[in-house]
Amino acid sequence: MAFFAASCDDVDTNRKFAEHLGLDFPILSDPDHKVATAYGVVTPERKYPHRWTFYIGSDGVIKAIDRQVDPTTAGRELAATLDKLGF
């Protein structure tokens, strides 16, 4: 299993943020919003991207999307969803 975060910030900003938090996973950068737009995370109506979690299987198929991410409970919810999906 692999996991990562994605952000519309530039590479340097994401690198510094990951180092600051001591993350053991990468933060991918999408400063031109191409990927975020393709996934519906960025829309013309919103100034900032949605904070969503996508669960993608090894076959490349999206298994679930959490559109109600709460940073204070995201870790527990992520673990529960991974368990539910059989990861």
N, C-alpha and C. Protein backbone atom coordinates (compact mmCIF):
# COMPACT_ATOMS: atom_id res chain seq x y z
N MET A 1 0.84 -1.17 0.00
CA MET A 1 0.00 0.00 0.00
C MET A 1 0.89 1.24 0.00
N ALA A 2 0.47 2.24 -0.71
CA ALA A 2 1.17 3.52 -0.74
C ALA A 2 0.18 4.62 -0.41
N PHE A 3 0.67 5.65 0.21
CA PHE A 3 -0.20 6.80 0.45
C PHE A 3 0.61 8.07 0.32
N PHE A 4 -0.10 9.14 0.01
CA PHE A 4 0.53 10.44 -0.17
C PHE A 4 -0.53 11.51 -0.03
N ALA A 5 -0.09 12.72 0.12
CA ALA A 5 -0.99 13.87 0.12
C ALA A 5 -0.76 14.61 -1.19
N ALA A 6 -1.72 15.41 -1.57
CA ALA A 6 -1.58 16.25 -2.76
C ALA A 6 -2.04 17.65 -2.39
N SER A 7 -1.38 18.63 -2.95
CA SER A 7 -1.67 20.02 -2.63
C SER A 7 -1.51 20.87 -3.88
N CYS A 8 -2.24 21.96 -3.92
CA CYS A 8 -2.10 22.91 -5.03
C CYS A 8 -0.96 23.89 -4.80
N ASP A 9 -0.24 23.74 -3.69
CA ASP A 9 0.93 24.57 -3.43
C ASP A 9 2.11 24.09 -4.27
N ASP A 10 3.12 24.94 -4.39
CA ASP A 10 4.29 24.58 -5.19
C ASP A 10 5.17 23.56 -4.44
N VAL A 11 6.10 22.97 -5.16
CA VAL A 11 6.96 21.91 -4.62
C VAL A 11 7.72 22.36 -3.38
N ASP A 12 8.32 23.53 -3.43
CA ASP A 12 9.13 24.00 -2.32
C ASP A 12 8.28 24.21 -1.06
N THR A 13 7.11 24.77 -1.22
CA THR A 13 6.20 24.97 -0.08
C THR A 13 5.80 23.64 0.53
N ASN A 14 5.46 22.66 -0.32
CA ASN A 14 5.07 21.34 0.18
C ASN A 14 6.24 20.62 0.85
N ARG A 15 7.43 20.76 0.30
CA ARG A 15 8.61 20.12 0.91
C ARG A 15 8.85 20.69 2.30
N LYS A 16 8.82 22.00 2.42
CA LYS A 16 9.04 22.64 3.72
C LYS A 16 7.95 22.24 4.72
N PHE A 17 6.72 22.17 4.27
CA PHE A 17 5.61 21.80 5.15
C PHE A 17 5.78 20.35 5.63
N ALA A 18 6.15 19.45 4.72
CA ALA A 18 6.36 18.05 5.09
C ALA A 18 7.51 17.92 6.08
N GLU A 19 8.58 18.66 5.86
CA GLU A 19 9.71 18.63 6.79
C GLU A 19 9.30 19.18 8.15
N HIS A 20 8.55 20.27 8.16
CA HIS A 20 8.10 20.89 9.40
C HIS A 20 7.26 19.91 10.23
N LEU A 21 6.41 19.14 9.56
CA LEU A 21 5.56 18.18 10.26
C LEU A 21 6.25 16.84 10.50
N GLY A 22 7.41 16.62 9.87
CA GLY A 22 8.10 15.34 10.01
C GLY A 22 7.35 14.20 9.34
N LEU A 23 6.72 14.49 8.23
CA LEU A 23 5.93 13.47 7.53
C LEU A 23 6.82 12.38 6.95
N ASP A 24 6.31 11.16 6.93
CA ASP A 24 7.04 10.05 6.33
C ASP A 24 6.41 9.63 5.00
N PHE A 25 5.67 10.57 4.40
CA PHE A 25 5.07 10.35 3.08
C PHE A 25 5.17 11.64 2.29
N PRO A 26 5.13 11.54 0.97
CA PRO A 26 5.29 12.74 0.15
C PRO A 26 4.01 13.57 0.03
N ILE A 27 4.21 14.85 -0.23
CA ILE A 27 3.11 15.73 -0.61
C ILE A 27 3.35 16.10 -2.07
N LEU A 28 2.48 15.63 -2.93
CA LEU A 28 2.60 15.93 -4.36
C LEU A 28 2.09 17.35 -4.62
N SER A 29 2.69 18.01 -5.59
CA SER A 29 2.32 19.39 -5.91
C SER A 29 1.56 19.48 -7.22
N ASP A 30 0.52 20.29 -7.20
CA ASP A 30 -0.32 20.52 -8.38
C ASP A 30 -0.62 22.02 -8.48
N PRO A 31 0.44 22.85 -8.63
CA PRO A 31 0.23 24.30 -8.59
C PRO A 31 -0.61 24.84 -9.75
N ASP A 32 -0.69 24.11 -10.83
CA ASP A 32 -1.53 24.59 -11.95
C ASP A 32 -2.96 24.06 -11.87
N HIS A 33 -3.25 23.27 -10.84
CA HIS A 33 -4.60 22.76 -10.53
C HIS A 33 -5.14 21.79 -11.57
N LYS A 34 -4.32 21.27 -12.45
CA LYS A 34 -4.82 20.36 -13.49
C LYS A 34 -5.39 19.08 -12.90
N VAL A 35 -4.65 18.45 -11.99
CA VAL A 35 -5.12 17.20 -11.38
C VAL A 35 -6.30 17.49 -10.45
N ALA A 36 -6.19 18.53 -9.64
CA ALA A 36 -7.27 18.88 -8.71
C ALA A 36 -8.57 19.17 -9.46
N THR A 37 -8.46 19.83 -10.60
CA THR A 37 -9.65 20.10 -11.41
C THR A 37 -10.22 18.81 -11.98
N ALA A 38 -9.36 17.92 -12.45
CA ALA A 38 -9.82 16.64 -13.01
C ALA A 38 -10.56 15.81 -11.96
N TYR A 39 -10.14 15.90 -10.70
CA TYR A 39 -10.78 15.15 -9.63
C TYR A 39 -11.95 15.91 -9.00
N GLY A 40 -12.23 17.12 -9.45
CA GLY A 40 -13.34 17.90 -8.94
C GLY A 40 -13.05 18.63 -7.64
N VAL A 41 -11.79 18.60 -7.20
CA VAL A 41 -11.40 19.24 -5.95
C VAL A 41 -11.33 20.76 -6.10
N VAL A 42 -11.02 21.21 -7.30
CA VAL A 42 -11.01 22.63 -7.61
C VAL A 42 -12.10 22.89 -8.64
N THR A 43 -12.90 23.90 -8.38
CA THR A 43 -13.95 24.29 -9.31
C THR A 43 -13.90 25.80 -9.49
N PRO A 44 -14.46 26.30 -10.57
CA PRO A 44 -14.44 27.75 -10.79
C PRO A 44 -15.16 28.54 -9.69
N GLU A 45 -16.09 27.90 -8.99
CA GLU A 45 -16.89 28.58 -7.98
C GLU A 45 -16.16 28.76 -6.65
N ARG A 46 -15.08 27.99 -6.43
CA ARG A 46 -14.39 28.00 -5.13
C ARG A 46 -13.03 28.67 -5.23
N LYS A 47 -12.71 29.48 -4.23
CA LYS A 47 -11.40 30.13 -4.19
C LYS A 47 -10.31 29.14 -3.78
N TYR A 48 -10.65 28.20 -2.88
CA TYR A 48 -9.68 27.22 -2.37
C TYR A 48 -10.14 25.80 -2.71
N PRO A 49 -9.19 24.88 -2.85
CA PRO A 49 -9.56 23.48 -3.13
C PRO A 49 -10.30 22.85 -1.95
N HIS A 50 -11.16 21.90 -2.27
CA HIS A 50 -11.80 21.08 -1.24
C HIS A 50 -10.73 20.23 -0.56
N ARG A 51 -10.96 19.85 0.67
CA ARG A 51 -10.07 18.93 1.39
C ARG A 51 -10.77 17.57 1.38
N TRP A 52 -10.47 16.79 0.38
CA TRP A 52 -11.09 15.48 0.22
C TRP A 52 -10.03 14.39 0.29
N THR A 53 -10.46 13.18 0.66
CA THR A 53 -9.58 12.01 0.65
C THR A 53 -10.12 11.02 -0.37
N PHE A 54 -9.24 10.62 -1.29
CA PHE A 54 -9.58 9.61 -2.29
C PHE A 54 -8.89 8.31 -1.92
N TYR A 55 -9.62 7.21 -1.96
CA TYR A 55 -9.07 5.87 -1.72
C TYR A 55 -9.04 5.17 -3.07
N ILE A 56 -7.84 4.92 -3.56
CA ILE A 56 -7.67 4.37 -4.90
C ILE A 56 -7.01 3.01 -4.79
N GLY A 57 -7.64 2.01 -5.37
CA GLY A 57 -7.11 0.65 -5.32
C GLY A 57 -5.89 0.48 -6.22
N SER A 58 -5.21 -0.63 -6.05
CA SER A 58 -4.02 -0.91 -6.86
C SER A 58 -4.37 -1.04 -8.34
N ASP A 59 -5.66 -1.23 -8.63
CA ASP A 59 -6.13 -1.30 -10.02
C ASP A 59 -6.38 0.09 -10.61
N GLY A 60 -6.17 1.14 -9.79
CA GLY A 60 -6.37 2.51 -10.26
C GLY A 60 -7.79 3.01 -10.17
N VAL A 61 -8.69 2.19 -9.64
CA VAL A 61 -10.10 2.56 -9.52
C VAL A 61 -10.34 3.23 -8.17
N ILE A 62 -11.07 4.33 -8.18
CA ILE A 62 -11.42 5.01 -6.94
C ILE A 62 -12.43 4.15 -6.19
N LYS A 63 -12.07 3.74 -4.98
CA LYS A 63 -12.91 2.86 -4.17
C LYS A 63 -13.85 3.67 -3.26
N ALA A 64 -13.42 4.85 -2.84
CA ALA A 64 -14.24 5.70 -1.97
C ALA A 64 -13.68 7.12 -2.01
N ILE A 65 -14.53 8.07 -1.68
CA ILE A 65 -14.12 9.47 -1.54
C ILE A 65 -14.75 10.00 -0.26
N ASP A 66 -13.92 10.60 0.58
CA ASP A 66 -14.42 11.26 1.78
C ASP A 66 -14.46 12.75 1.48
N ARG A 67 -15.64 13.29 1.35
CA ARG A 67 -15.80 14.72 1.04
C ARG A 67 -16.08 15.55 2.29
N GLN A 68 -16.02 14.92 3.46
CA GLN A 68 -16.30 15.61 4.72
C GLN A 68 -15.10 15.51 5.65
N VAL A 69 -13.90 15.75 5.15
CA VAL A 69 -12.68 15.60 5.93
C VAL A 69 -12.61 16.65 7.04
N ASP A 70 -12.43 16.18 8.25
CA ASP A 70 -12.24 17.04 9.42
C ASP A 70 -10.83 16.76 9.93
N PRO A 71 -9.93 17.73 9.84
CA PRO A 71 -8.54 17.49 10.25
C PRO A 71 -8.38 16.95 11.66
N THR A 72 -9.33 17.24 12.55
CA THR A 72 -9.20 16.76 13.93
C THR A 72 -9.52 15.29 14.08
N THR A 73 -10.21 14.69 13.12
CA THR A 73 -10.57 13.27 13.21
C THR A 73 -10.13 12.48 11.98
N ALA A 74 -9.44 13.13 11.06
CA ALA A 74 -9.11 12.51 9.78
C ALA A 74 -8.31 11.22 9.92
N GLY A 75 -7.37 11.17 10.85
CA GLY A 75 -6.55 9.97 11.03
C GLY A 75 -7.39 8.76 11.39
N ARG A 76 -8.26 8.91 12.36
CA ARG A 76 -9.13 7.80 12.78
C ARG A 76 -10.08 7.40 11.66
N GLU A 77 -10.64 8.38 10.99
CA GLU A 77 -11.57 8.09 9.89
C GLU A 77 -10.87 7.40 8.73
N LEU A 78 -9.65 7.84 8.44
CA LEU A 78 -8.87 7.23 7.37
C LEU A 78 -8.59 5.76 7.70
N ALA A 79 -8.15 5.48 8.93
CA ALA A 79 -7.86 4.09 9.34
C ALA A 79 -9.12 3.24 9.26
N ALA A 80 -10.26 3.77 9.71
CA ALA A 80 -11.51 3.01 9.67
C ALA A 80 -11.93 2.72 8.24
N THR A 81 -11.80 3.70 7.35
CA THR A 81 -12.18 3.50 5.95
C THR A 81 -11.27 2.48 5.29
N LEU A 82 -9.95 2.57 5.55
CA LEU A 82 -9.02 1.60 4.98
C LEU A 82 -9.39 0.19 5.44
N ASP A 83 -9.73 0.03 6.71
CA ASP A 83 -10.14 -1.28 7.24
C ASP A 83 -11.40 -1.76 6.56
N LYS A 84 -12.39 -0.88 6.45
CA LYS A 84 -13.66 -1.21 5.82
C LYS A 84 -13.48 -1.66 4.36
N LEU A 85 -12.54 -1.00 3.67
CA LEU A 85 -12.29 -1.33 2.26
C LEU A 85 -11.38 -2.53 2.09
N GLY A 86 -10.82 -3.04 3.20
CA GLY A 86 -9.99 -4.23 3.13
C GLY A 86 -8.55 -3.97 2.73
N PHE A 87 -8.07 -2.76 2.92
CA PHE A 87 -6.68 -2.44 2.61
C PHE A 87 -5.78 -2.95 3.71
